[in-house]
C-alpha cells in the first residue's frame, strides 16, 4: 500500500523554538527574540519561503521542540506520480541556467540587511 504523503524531518540541537512564536516562525521576516541585531545572521525569510513552496505543492510544514534540546521541523508532500505523458522535451542551455542563477542570487542578496 502506497502512503499518501512523503514525510521529511530535520532536527537540530540548538536552543529550540520559544513556544510564544508558535507558527509565527513561518511568517515573513520573523525571527525569535533573545539575540541582538548583530547576532541575528538570517533575514527571517527561510522558513517563510519553504512554507510558500510547500503550499504551492499541497504540502504542509510544522515543528516540535525536542525534550532535551533543539527542535524538529517536519514537512510533507503528496506522494504523486507524474503521468507517462510528462516528459522533458528540451534541455536548458547552460547560458539560460547561468542567467537564472545570477538573477536568484541578486534577488536573495536584496533581502539581507548588512
PDB file of N, CA and C in Angstrom:
ATOM      1  N   UNK A   1       0.835  -1.188   0.000  1.00  0.00           N
ATOM      2  CA  UNK A   1       0.000   0.000   0.000  1.00  0.00           C
ATOM      3  C   UNK A   1       0.879   1.250   0.000  1.00  0.00           C
ATOM      4  N   UNK A   2       0.645   2.141  -0.943  1.00  0.00           N
ATOM      5  CA  UNK A   2       1.422   3.370  -1.020  1.00  0.00           C
ATOM      6  C   UNK A   2       0.899   4.395  -0.024  1.00  0.00           C
ATOM      7  N   UNK A   3       1.832   5.101   0.594  1.00  0.00           N
ATOM      8  CA  UNK A   3       1.472   6.167   1.522  1.00  0.00           C
ATOM      9  C   UNK A   3       0.948   7.363   0.733  1.00  0.00           C
ATOM     10  N   UNK A   4       0.054   8.132   1.330  1.00  0.00           N
ATOM     11  CA  UNK A   4      -0.493   9.318   0.670  1.00  0.00           C
ATOM     12  C   UNK A   4       0.461  10.499   0.722  1.00  0.00           C
ATOM     13  N   UNK A   5       1.371  10.479   1.703  1.00  0.00           N
ATOM     14  CA  UNK A   5       2.303  11.593   1.873  1.00  0.00           C
ATOM     15  C   UNK A   5       3.724  11.074   2.044  1.00  0.00           C
ATOM     16  N   UNK A   6       4.654  11.930   1.669  1.00  0.00           N
ATOM     17  CA  UNK A   6       6.066  11.688   1.955  1.00  0.00           C
ATOM     18  C   UNK A   6       6.429  12.655   3.076  1.00  0.00           C
ATOM     19  N   UNK A   7       6.999  12.146   4.162  1.00  0.00           N
ATOM     20  CA  UNK A   7       7.383  12.979   5.302  1.00  0.00           C
ATOM     21  C   UNK A   7       8.890  13.089   5.376  1.00  0.00           C
ATOM     22  N   UNK A   8       9.371  14.301   5.628  1.00  0.00           N
ATOM     23  CA  UNK A   8      10.802  14.549   5.796  1.00  0.00           C
ATOM     24  C   UNK A   8      10.967  15.392   7.052  1.00  0.00           C
ATOM     25  N   UNK A   9      11.858  14.952   7.942  1.00  0.00           N
ATOM     26  CA  UNK A   9      12.105  15.669   9.193  1.00  0.00           C
ATOM     27  C   UNK A   9      13.563  16.072   9.283  1.00  0.00           C
ATOM     28  N   UNK A  10      13.788  17.248   9.869  1.00  0.00           N
ATOM     29  CA  UNK A  10      15.136  17.757  10.102  1.00  0.00           C
ATOM     30  C   UNK A  10      15.190  18.200  11.559  1.00  0.00           C
ATOM     31  N   UNK A  11      16.187  17.705  12.297  1.00  0.00           N
ATOM     32  CA  UNK A  11      16.331  18.061  13.709  1.00  0.00           C
ATOM     33  C   UNK A  11      17.647  18.780  13.937  1.00  0.00           C
ATOM     34  N   UNK A  12      17.659  19.626  14.972  1.00  0.00           N
ATOM     35  CA  UNK A  12      18.903  20.273  15.370  1.00  0.00           C
ATOM     36  C   UNK A  12      19.047  20.180  16.881  1.00  0.00           C
ATOM     37  N   UNK A  13      20.168  20.633  17.385  1.00  0.00           N
ATOM     38  CA  UNK A  13      20.425  20.578  18.828  1.00  0.00           C
ATOM     39  C   UNK A  13      20.581  21.982  19.400  1.00  0.00           C
ATOM     40  N   UNK A  14      20.000  22.962  18.738  1.00  0.00           N
ATOM     41  CA  UNK A  14      20.067  24.351  19.200  1.00  0.00           C
ATOM     42  C   UNK A  14      19.160  24.586  20.399  1.00  0.00           C
ATOM     43  N   UNK A  15      18.833  25.840  20.654  1.00  0.00           N
ATOM     44  CA  UNK A  15      18.030  26.176  21.831  1.00  0.00           C
ATOM     45  C   UNK A  15      16.541  25.843  21.697  1.00  0.00           C
ATOM     46  N   UNK A  16      16.101  25.441  20.519  1.00  0.00           N
ATOM     47  CA  UNK A  16      14.677  25.185  20.316  1.00  0.00           C
ATOM     48  C   UNK A  16      13.959  26.457  19.890  1.00  0.00           C
ATOM     49  N   UNK A  17      12.659  26.354  19.705  1.00  0.00           N
ATOM     50  CA  UNK A  17      11.847  27.483  19.259  1.00  0.00           C
ATOM     51  C   UNK A  17      10.932  27.874  20.414  1.00  0.00           C
ATOM     52  N   UNK A  18      11.035  29.110  20.897  1.00  0.00           N
ATOM     53  CA  UNK A  18      10.170  29.520  22.008  1.00  0.00           C
ATOM     54  C   UNK A  18       8.692  29.310  21.668  1.00  0.00           C
ATOM     55  N   UNK A  19       7.935  28.764  22.626  1.00  0.00           N
ATOM     56  CA  UNK A  19       6.525  28.444  22.375  1.00  0.00           C
ATOM     57  C   UNK A  19       5.708  29.648  21.938  1.00  0.00           C
ATOM     58  N   UNK A  20       6.043  30.832  22.447  1.00  0.00           N
ATOM     59  CA  UNK A  20       5.251  32.016  22.095  1.00  0.00           C
ATOM     60  C   UNK A  20       5.346  32.365  20.609  1.00  0.00           C
ATOM     61  N   UNK A  21       6.327  31.792  19.917  1.00  0.00           N
ATOM     62  CA  UNK A  21       6.462  32.062  18.483  1.00  0.00           C
ATOM     63  C   UNK A  21       5.620  31.117  17.642  1.00  0.00           C
ATOM     64  N   UNK A  22       5.201  29.985  18.226  1.00  0.00           N
ATOM     65  CA  UNK A  22       4.303  29.074  17.530  1.00  0.00           C
ATOM     66  C   UNK A  22       4.563  29.000  16.046  1.00  0.00           C
ATOM     67  N   UNK A  23       3.526  29.166  15.258  1.00  0.00           N
ATOM     68  CA  UNK A  23       3.674  29.115  13.804  1.00  0.00           C
ATOM     69  C   UNK A  23       4.075  30.452  13.210  1.00  0.00           C
ATOM     70  N   UNK A  24       4.350  31.458  14.062  1.00  0.00           N
ATOM     71  CA  UNK A  24       4.841  32.740  13.551  1.00  0.00           C
ATOM     72  C   UNK A  24       6.177  32.568  12.837  1.00  0.00           C
ATOM     73  N   UNK A  25       6.923  31.505  13.162  1.00  0.00           N
ATOM     74  CA  UNK A  25       8.230  31.318  12.529  1.00  0.00           C
ATOM     75  C   UNK A  25       8.117  31.099  11.028  1.00  0.00           C
ATOM     76  N   UNK A  26       6.905  30.818  10.546  1.00  0.00           N
ATOM     77  CA  UNK A  26       6.694  30.621   9.118  1.00  0.00           C
ATOM     78  C   UNK A  26       6.235  31.902   8.422  1.00  0.00           C
ATOM     79  N   UNK A  27       6.214  33.014   9.168  1.00  0.00           N
ATOM     80  CA  UNK A  27       5.816  34.297   8.591  1.00  0.00           C
ATOM     81  C   UNK A  27       7.044  35.065   8.104  1.00  0.00           C
ATOM     82  N   UNK A  28       6.815  35.941   7.160  1.00  0.00           N
ATOM     83  CA  UNK A  28       7.893  36.731   6.558  1.00  0.00           C
ATOM     84  C   UNK A  28       8.621  37.571   7.602  1.00  0.00           C
ATOM     85  N   UNK A  29       9.927  37.535   7.577  1.00  0.00           N
ATOM     86  CA  UNK A  29      10.837  38.307   8.421  1.00  0.00           C
ATOM     87  C   UNK A  29      10.784  37.962   9.909  1.00  0.00           C
ATOM     88  N   UNK A  30      10.124  36.880  10.268  1.00  0.00           N
ATOM     89  CA  UNK A  30      10.025  36.519  11.688  1.00  0.00           C
ATOM     90  C   UNK A  30      11.348  35.939  12.186  1.00  0.00           C
ATOM     91  N   UNK A  31      11.799  36.462  13.309  1.00  0.00           N
ATOM     92  CA  UNK A  31      12.970  35.936  13.993  1.00  0.00           C
ATOM     93  C   UNK A  31      12.658  35.905  15.474  1.00  0.00           C
ATOM     94  N   UNK A  32      13.150  34.884  16.162  1.00  0.00           N
ATOM     95  CA  UNK A  32      12.899  34.802  17.596  1.00  0.00           C
ATOM     96  C   UNK A  32      13.710  35.856  18.319  1.00  0.00           C
ATOM     97  N   UNK A  33      13.237  36.254  19.494  1.00  0.00           N
ATOM     98  CA  UNK A  33      13.938  37.280  20.267  1.00  0.00           C
ATOM     99  C   UNK A  33      15.089  36.643  21.041  1.00  0.00           C
ATOM    100  N   UNK A  34      15.764  37.457  21.809  1.00  0.00           N
ATOM    101  CA  UNK A  34      16.845  36.951  22.636  1.00  0.00           C
ATOM    102  C   UNK A  34      18.218  37.160  22.027  1.00  0.00           C
ATOM    103  N   UNK A  35      18.269  37.601  20.793  1.00  0.00           N
ATOM    104  CA  UNK A  35      19.552  37.868  20.158  1.00  0.00           C
ATOM    105  C   UNK A  35      19.596  39.326  19.753  1.00  0.00           C
ATOM    106  N   UNK A  36      20.772  39.883  19.820  1.00  0.00           N
ATOM    107  CA  UNK A  36      20.919  41.259  19.347  1.00  0.00           C
ATOM    108  C   UNK A  36      20.900  41.253  17.824  1.00  0.00           C
ATOM    109  N   UNK A  37      20.730  42.411  17.239  1.00  0.00           N
ATOM    110  CA  UNK A  37      20.699  42.528  15.782  1.00  0.00           C
ATOM    111  C   UNK A  37      21.990  42.013  15.160  1.00  0.00           C
ATOM    112  N   UNK A  38      23.104  42.203  15.854  1.00  0.00           N
ATOM    113  CA  UNK A  38      24.394  41.738  15.331  1.00  0.00           C
ATOM    114  C   UNK A  38      24.462  40.208  15.346  1.00  0.00           C
ATOM    115  N   UNK A  39      23.859  39.573  16.376  1.00  0.00           N
ATOM    116  CA  UNK A  39      23.904  38.115  16.487  1.00  0.00           C
ATOM    117  C   UNK A  39      22.979  37.428  15.483  1.00  0.00           C
ATOM    118  N   UNK A  40      21.937  38.109  15.052  1.00  0.00           N
ATOM    119  CA  UNK A  40      20.999  37.513  14.094  1.00  0.00           C
ATOM    120  C   UNK A  40      21.669  37.482  12.728  1.00  0.00           C
ATOM    121  N   UNK A  41      21.788  36.309  12.178  1.00  0.00           N
ATOM    122  CA  UNK A  41      22.504  36.183  10.916  1.00  0.00           C
ATOM    123  C   UNK A  41      21.572  36.014   9.731  1.00  0.00           C
ATOM    124  N   UNK A  42      20.331  35.655   9.947  1.00  0.00           N
ATOM    125  CA  UNK A  42      19.414  35.418   8.846  1.00  0.00           C
ATOM    126  C   UNK A  42      18.519  36.608   8.575  1.00  0.00           C
ATOM    127  N   UNK A  43      17.696  36.453   7.568  1.00  0.00           N
ATOM    128  CA  UNK A  43      16.773  37.518   7.186  1.00  0.00           C
ATOM    129  C   UNK A  43      15.369  37.256   7.693  1.00  0.00           C
ATOM    130  N   UNK A  44      15.120  36.057   8.202  1.00  0.00           N
ATOM    131  CA  UNK A  44      13.762  35.705   8.595  1.00  0.00           C
ATOM    132  C   UNK A  44      12.919  35.299   7.403  1.00  0.00           C
ATOM    133  N   UNK A  45      13.556  34.963   6.299  1.00  0.00           N
ATOM    134  CA  UNK A  45      12.830  34.584   5.085  1.00  0.00           C
ATOM    135  C   UNK A  45      12.855  33.085   4.797  1.00  0.00           C
ATOM    136  N   UNK A  46      13.788  32.358   5.382  1.00  0.00           N
ATOM    137  CA  UNK A  46      13.974  30.951   5.032  1.00  0.00           C
ATOM    138  C   UNK A  46      12.739  30.085   5.216  1.00  0.00           C
ATOM    139  N   UNK A  47      12.206  30.030   6.436  1.00  0.00           N
ATOM    140  CA  UNK A  47      11.037  29.186   6.691  1.00  0.00           C
ATOM    141  C   UNK A  47       9.793  29.732   5.998  1.00  0.00           C
ATOM    142  N   UNK A  48       9.730  31.037   5.822  1.00  0.00           N
ATOM    143  CA  UNK A  48       8.619  31.629   5.076  1.00  0.00           C
ATOM    144  C   UNK A  48       8.614  31.114   3.632  1.00  0.00           C
ATOM    145  N   UNK A  49       9.788  31.133   2.996  1.00  0.00           N
ATOM    146  CA  UNK A  49       9.890  30.654   1.610  1.00  0.00           C
ATOM    147  C   UNK A  49       9.592  29.158   1.515  1.00  0.00           C
ATOM    148  N   UNK A  50      10.089  28.396   2.483  1.00  0.00           N
ATOM    149  CA  UNK A  50       9.804  26.952   2.491  1.00  0.00           C
ATOM    150  C   UNK A  50       8.300  26.724   2.570  1.00  0.00           C
ATOM    151  N   UNK A  51       7.623  27.432   3.471  1.00  0.00           N
ATOM    152  CA  UNK A  51       6.172  27.261   3.625  1.00  0.00           C
ATOM    153  C   UNK A  51       5.438  27.641   2.351  1.00  0.00           C
ATOM    154  N   UNK A  52       5.840  28.743   1.727  1.00  0.00           N
ATOM    155  CA  UNK A  52       5.189  29.161   0.482  1.00  0.00           C
ATOM    156  C   UNK A  52       5.350  28.098  -0.614  1.00  0.00           C
ATOM    157  N   UNK A  53       6.557  27.546  -0.737  1.00  0.00           N
ATOM    158  CA  UNK A  53       6.781  26.494  -1.733  1.00  0.00           C
ATOM    159  C   UNK A  53       5.940  25.257  -1.439  1.00  0.00           C
ATOM    160  N   UNK A  54       5.903  24.869  -0.171  1.00  0.00           N
ATOM    161  CA  UNK A  54       5.101  23.699   0.209  1.00  0.00           C
ATOM    162  C   UNK A  54       3.613  23.944  -0.033  1.00  0.00           C
ATOM    163  N   UNK A  55       3.138  25.157   0.244  1.00  0.00           N
ATOM    164  CA  UNK A  55       1.736  25.482  -0.033  1.00  0.00           C
ATOM    165  C   UNK A  55       1.414  25.286  -1.510  1.00  0.00           C
ATOM    166  N   UNK A  56       2.327  25.728  -2.374  1.00  0.00           N
ATOM    167  CA  UNK A  56       2.117  25.593  -3.828  1.00  0.00           C
ATOM    168  C   UNK A  56       2.091  24.128  -4.267  1.00  0.00           C
ATOM    169  N   UNK A  57       2.768  23.264  -3.493  1.00  0.00           N
ATOM    170  CA  UNK A  57       2.837  21.837  -3.842  1.00  0.00           C
ATOM    171  C   UNK A  57       1.874  20.993  -3.010  1.00  0.00           C
ATOM    172  N   UNK A  58       0.911  21.664  -2.356  1.00  0.00           N
ATOM    173  CA  UNK A  58      -0.064  20.982  -1.490  1.00  0.00           C
ATOM    174  C   UNK A  58       0.605  20.218  -0.360  1.00  0.00           C
ATOM    175  N   UNK A  59       1.689  20.789   0.160  1.00  0.00           N
ATOM    176  CA  UNK A  59       2.393  20.188   1.285  1.00  0.00           C
ATOM    177  C   UNK A  59       2.078  20.921   2.577  1.00  0.00           C
ATOM    178  N   UNK A  60       2.679  20.459   3.655  1.00  0.00           N
ATOM    179  CA  UNK A  60       2.500  21.077   4.972  1.00  0.00           C
ATOM    180  C   UNK A  60       3.849  21.121   5.677  1.00  0.00           C
ATOM    181  N   UNK A  61       3.975  21.991   6.683  1.00  0.00           N
ATOM    182  CA  UNK A  61       5.181  22.048   7.496  1.00  0.00           C
ATOM    183  C   UNK A  61       4.780  22.357   8.928  1.00  0.00           C
ATOM    184  N   UNK A  62       5.490  21.756   9.881  1.00  0.00           N
ATOM    185  CA  UNK A  62       5.246  22.016  11.291  1.00  0.00           C
ATOM    186  C   UNK A  62       6.516  21.723  12.065  1.00  0.00           C
ATOM    187  N   UNK A  63       6.531  22.090  13.339  1.00  0.00           N
ATOM    188  CA  UNK A  63       7.711  21.848  14.159  1.00  0.00           C
ATOM    189  C   UNK A  63       7.282  21.365  15.531  1.00  0.00           C
ATOM    190  N   UNK A  64       8.219  20.748  16.235  1.00  0.00           N
ATOM    191  CA  UNK A  64       8.030  20.445  17.652  1.00  0.00           C
ATOM    192  C   UNK A  64       9.399  20.553  18.315  1.00  0.00           C
ATOM    193  N   UNK A  65       9.388  21.057  19.546  1.00  0.00           N
ATOM    194  CA  UNK A  65      10.628  21.146  20.307  1.00  0.00           C
ATOM    195  C   UNK A  65      10.965  19.773  20.855  1.00  0.00           C
ATOM    196  N   UNK A  66      12.237  19.430  20.844  1.00  0.00           N
ATOM    197  CA  UNK A  66      12.693  18.162  21.401  1.00  0.00           C
ATOM    198  C   UNK A  66      12.772  18.291  22.915  1.00  0.00           C
ATOM    199  N   UNK A  67      12.636  17.173  23.622  1.00  0.00           N
ATOM    200  CA  UNK A  67      12.644  17.208  25.088  1.00  0.00           C
ATOM    201  C   UNK A  67      13.957  17.738  25.639  1.00  0.00           C
ATOM    202  N   UNK A  68      15.077  17.265  25.122  1.00  0.00           N
ATOM    203  CA  UNK A  68      16.374  17.680  25.652  1.00  0.00           C
ATOM    204  C   UNK A  68      16.777  19.057  25.160  1.00  0.00           C
ATOM    205  N   UNK A  69      16.901  19.183  23.860  1.00  0.00           N
ATOM    206  CA  UNK A  69      17.404  20.414  23.271  1.00  0.00           C
ATOM    207  C   UNK A  69      17.086  20.398  21.786  1.00  0.00           C
ATOM    208  N   UNK A  70      16.881  21.553  21.224  1.00  0.00           N
ATOM    209  CA  UNK A  70      16.672  21.645  19.784  1.00  0.00           C
ATOM    210  C   UNK A  70      15.220  21.492  19.382  1.00  0.00           C
ATOM    211  N   UNK A  71      15.020  21.428  18.083  1.00  0.00           N
ATOM    212  CA  UNK A  71      13.677  21.310  17.519  1.00  0.00           C
ATOM    213  C   UNK A  71      13.730  20.388  16.309  1.00  0.00           C
ATOM    214  N   UNK A  72      12.563  19.896  15.932  1.00  0.00           N
ATOM    215  CA  UNK A  72      12.429  19.086  14.728  1.00  0.00           C
ATOM    216  C   UNK A  72      11.401  19.749  13.829  1.00  0.00           C
ATOM    217  N   UNK A  73      11.801  20.058  12.606  1.00  0.00           N
ATOM    218  CA  UNK A  73      10.892  20.564  11.580  1.00  0.00           C
ATOM    219  C   UNK A  73      10.537  19.389  10.687  1.00  0.00           C
ATOM    220  N   UNK A  74       9.249  19.229  10.427  1.00  0.00           N
ATOM    221  CA  UNK A  74       8.790  18.152   9.548  1.00  0.00           C
ATOM    222  C   UNK A  74       7.958  18.768   8.445  1.00  0.00           C
ATOM    223  N   UNK A  75       8.155  18.276   7.233  1.00  0.00           N
ATOM    224  CA  UNK A  75       7.268  18.710   6.159  1.00  0.00           C
ATOM    225  C   UNK A  75       6.799  17.502   5.383  1.00  0.00           C
ATOM    226  N   UNK A  76       5.645  17.666   4.756  1.00  0.00           N
ATOM    227  CA  UNK A  76       5.063  16.569   3.981  1.00  0.00           C
ATOM    228  C   UNK A  76       4.742  17.063   2.581  1.00  0.00           C
ATOM    229  N   UNK A  77       4.793  16.133   1.662  1.00  0.00           N
ATOM    230  CA  UNK A  77       4.408  16.380   0.276  1.00  0.00           C
ATOM    231  C   UNK A  77       3.507  15.237  -0.168  1.00  0.00           C
ATOM    232  N   UNK A  78       2.543  15.525  -1.031  1.00  0.00           N
ATOM    233  CA  UNK A  78       1.722  14.427  -1.545  1.00  0.00           C
ATOM    234  C   UNK A  78       2.588  13.448  -2.329  1.00  0.00           C
ATOM    235  N   UNK A  79       2.324  12.177  -2.166  1.00  0.00           N
ATOM    236  CA  UNK A  79       3.066  11.138  -2.880  1.00  0.00           C
ATOM    237  C   UNK A  79       2.374  10.900  -4.219  1.00  0.00           C
ATOM    238  N   UNK A  80       2.765  11.670  -5.214  1.00  0.00           N
ATOM    239  CA  UNK A  80       2.137  11.614  -6.528  1.00  0.00           C
ATOM    240  C   UNK A  80       3.123  11.107  -7.576  1.00  0.00           C
ATOM    241  N   UNK A  81       2.590  10.454  -8.565  1.00  0.00           N
ATOM    242  CA  UNK A  81       3.421  10.011  -9.680  1.00  0.00           C
ATOM    243  C   UNK A  81       2.976  10.765 -10.924  1.00  0.00           C
ATOM    244  N   UNK A  82       3.946  11.308 -11.639  1.00  0.00           N
ATOM    245  CA  UNK A  82       3.635  12.035 -12.861  1.00  0.00           C
ATOM    246  C   UNK A  82       3.145  11.069 -13.931  1.00  0.00           C
ATOM    247  N   UNK A  83       2.209  11.506 -14.744  1.00  0.00           N
ATOM    248  CA  UNK A  83       1.761  10.653 -15.845  1.00  0.00           C
ATOM    249  C   UNK A  83       2.899  10.404 -16.836  1.00  0.00           C
ATOM    250  N   UNK A  84       2.839   9.302 -17.532  1.00  0.00           N
ATOM    251  CA  UNK A  84       3.872   8.946 -18.508  1.00  0.00           C
ATOM    252  C   UNK A  84       4.015  10.003 -19.595  1.00  0.00           C
ATOM    253  N   UNK A  85       2.946  10.756 -19.851  1.00  0.00           N
ATOM    254  CA  UNK A  85       2.994  11.770 -20.912  1.00  0.00           C
ATOM    255  C   UNK A  85       3.847  12.976 -20.518  1.00  0.00           C
ATOM    256  N   UNK A  86       4.224  13.094 -19.244  1.00  0.00           N
ATOM    257  CA  UNK A  86       5.054  14.216 -18.793  1.00  0.00           C
ATOM    258  C   UNK A  86       6.517  13.879 -19.011  1.00  0.00           C
ATOM    259  N   UNK A  87       7.044  14.328 -20.106  1.00  0.00           N
ATOM    260  CA  UNK A  87       8.463  14.118 -20.373  1.00  0.00           C
ATOM    261  C   UNK A  87       9.106  15.455 -20.706  1.00  0.00           C
ATOM    262  N   UNK A  88      10.372  15.569 -20.384  1.00  0.00           N
ATOM    263  CA  UNK A  88      11.104  16.783 -20.714  1.00  0.00           C
ATOM    264  C   UNK A  88      11.449  16.727 -22.188  1.00  0.00           C
ATOM    265  N   UNK A  89      11.055  17.748 -22.936  1.00  0.00           N
ATOM    266  CA  UNK A  89      11.250  17.746 -24.380  1.00  0.00           C
ATOM    267  C   UNK A  89      12.495  18.498 -24.816  1.00  0.00           C
ATOM    268  N   UNK A  90      12.997  19.361 -23.952  1.00  0.00           N
ATOM    269  CA  UNK A  90      14.190  20.108 -24.329  1.00  0.00           C
ATOM    270  C   UNK A  90      15.073  20.299 -23.112  1.00  0.00           C
ATOM    271  N   UNK A  91      16.341  20.377 -23.369  1.00  0.00           N
ATOM    272  CA  UNK A  91      17.281  20.635 -22.283  1.00  0.00           C
ATOM    273  C   UNK A  91      17.535  22.124 -22.198  1.00  0.00           C
ATOM    274  N   UNK A  92      17.728  22.590 -20.978  1.00  0.00           N
ATOM    275  CA  UNK A  92      18.007  24.012 -20.783  1.00  0.00           C
ATOM    276  C   UNK A  92      19.463  24.284 -21.117  1.00  0.00           C
ATOM    277  N   UNK A  93      19.696  25.371 -21.814  1.00  0.00           N
ATOM    278  CA  UNK A  93      21.067  25.713 -22.196  1.00  0.00           C
ATOM    279  C   UNK A  93      21.840  26.183 -20.975  1.00  0.00           C
ATOM    280  N   UNK A  94      23.145  25.963 -20.959  1.00  0.00           N
ATOM    281  CA  UNK A  94      23.968  26.446 -19.846  1.00  0.00           C
ATOM    282  C   UNK A  94      23.859  27.962 -19.652  1.00  0.00           C
ATOM    283  N   UNK A  95      23.711  28.722 -20.754  1.00  0.00           N
ATOM    284  CA  UNK A  95      23.571  30.180 -20.639  1.00  0.00           C
ATOM    285  C   UNK A  95      22.284  30.556 -19.916  1.00  0.00           C
ATOM    286  N   UNK A  96      21.197  29.826 -20.207  1.00  0.00           N
ATOM    287  CA  UNK A  96      19.920  30.101 -19.540  1.00  0.00           C
ATOM    288  C   UNK A  96      20.036  29.793 -18.047  1.00  0.00           C
ATOM    289  N   UNK A  97      20.611  28.666 -17.717  1.00  0.00           N
ATOM    290  CA  UNK A  97      20.768  28.278 -16.311  1.00  0.00           C
ATOM    291  C   UNK A  97      21.610  29.306 -15.576  1.00  0.00           C
ATOM    292  N   UNK A  98      22.700  29.753 -16.186  1.00  0.00           N
ATOM    293  CA  UNK A  98      23.580  30.750 -15.558  1.00  0.00           C
ATOM    294  C   UNK A  98      22.833  32.060 -15.333  1.00  0.00           C
ATOM    295  N   UNK A  99      22.049  32.492 -16.303  1.00  0.00           N
ATOM    296  CA  UNK A  99      21.323  33.760 -16.151  1.00  0.00           C
ATOM    297  C   UNK A  99      20.284  33.659 -15.045  1.00  0.00           C
ATOM    298  N   UNK A 100      19.614  32.531 -14.909  1.00  0.00           N
ATOM    299  CA  UNK A 100      18.610  32.359 -13.851  1.00  0.00           C
ATOM    300  C   UNK A 100      19.279  32.300 -12.485  1.00  0.00           C
ATOM    301  N   UNK A 101      20.434  31.654 -12.402  1.00  0.00           N
ATOM    302  CA  UNK A 101      21.158  31.569 -11.143  1.00  0.00           C
ATOM    303  C   UNK A 101      21.596  32.953 -10.695  1.00  0.00           C
ATOM    304  N   UNK A 102      22.136  33.753 -11.616  1.00  0.00           N
ATOM    305  CA  UNK A 102      22.554  35.109 -11.283  1.00  0.00           C
ATOM    306  C   UNK A 102      21.365  35.935 -10.821  1.00  0.00           C
ATOM    307  N   UNK A 103      20.219  35.776 -11.468  1.00  0.00           N
ATOM    308  CA  UNK A 103      19.014  36.510 -11.093  1.00  0.00           C
ATOM    309  C   UNK A 103      18.606  36.158  -9.667  1.00  0.00           C
ATOM    310  N   UNK A 104      18.610  34.879  -9.325  1.00  0.00           N
ATOM    311  CA  UNK A 104      18.242  34.459  -7.978  1.00  0.00           C
ATOM    312  C   UNK A 104      19.221  34.983  -6.939  1.00  0.00           C
ATOM    313  N   UNK A 105      20.497  34.971  -7.241  1.00  0.00           N
ATOM    314  CA  UNK A 105      21.488  35.490  -6.305  1.00  0.00           C
ATOM    315  C   UNK A 105      21.246  36.971  -6.036  1.00  0.00           C
ATOM    316  N   UNK A 106      20.898  37.719  -7.061  1.00  0.00           N
ATOM    317  CA  UNK A 106      20.609  39.144  -6.892  1.00  0.00           C
ATOM    318  C   UNK A 106      19.364  39.314  -6.036  1.00  0.00           C
ATOM    319  N   UNK A 107      18.309  38.550  -6.319  1.00  0.00           N
ATOM    320  CA  UNK A 107      17.056  38.654  -5.567  1.00  0.00           C
ATOM    321  C   UNK A 107      17.300  38.369  -4.085  1.00  0.00           C
ATOM    322  N   UNK A 108      18.024  37.283  -3.764  1.00  0.00           N
ATOM    323  CA  UNK A 108      18.257  36.931  -2.375  1.00  0.00           C
ATOM    324  C   UNK A 108      19.181  37.927  -1.693  1.00  0.00           C
ATOM    325  N   UNK A 109      20.110  38.514  -2.424  1.00  0.00           N
ATOM    326  CA  UNK A 109      21.001  39.482  -1.797  1.00  0.00           C
ATOM    327  C   UNK A 109      20.238  40.735  -1.402  1.00  0.00           C
ATOM    328  N   UNK A 110      19.125  41.017  -2.055  1.00  0.00           N
ATOM    329  CA  UNK A 110      18.324  42.207  -1.737  1.00  0.00           C
ATOM    330  C   UNK A 110      17.614  42.094  -0.392  1.00  0.00           C
ATOM    331  N   UNK A 111      17.398  40.886   0.121  1.00  0.00           N
ATOM    332  CA  UNK A 111      16.635  40.744   1.364  1.00  0.00           C
ATOM    333  C   UNK A 111      17.501  40.799   2.603  1.00  0.00           C
ATOM    334  N   UNK A 112      18.809  40.729   2.461  1.00  0.00           N
ATOM    335  CA  UNK A 112      19.690  40.771   3.607  1.00  0.00           C
ATOM    336  C   UNK A 112      20.098  42.203   3.919  1.00  0.00           C
ATOM    337  N   UNK A 113      20.008  42.551   5.187  1.00  0.00           N
ATOM    338  CA  UNK A 113      20.412  43.879   5.644  1.00  0.00           C
ATOM    339  C   UNK A 113      21.795  43.766   6.224  1.00  0.00           C
ATOM    340  N   UNK A 114      22.706  44.568   5.740  1.00  0.00           N
ATOM    341  CA  UNK A 114      24.090  44.493   6.230  1.00  0.00           C
ATOM    342  C   UNK A 114      24.376  45.688   7.107  1.00  0.00           C
TER     343      UNK A 114
END
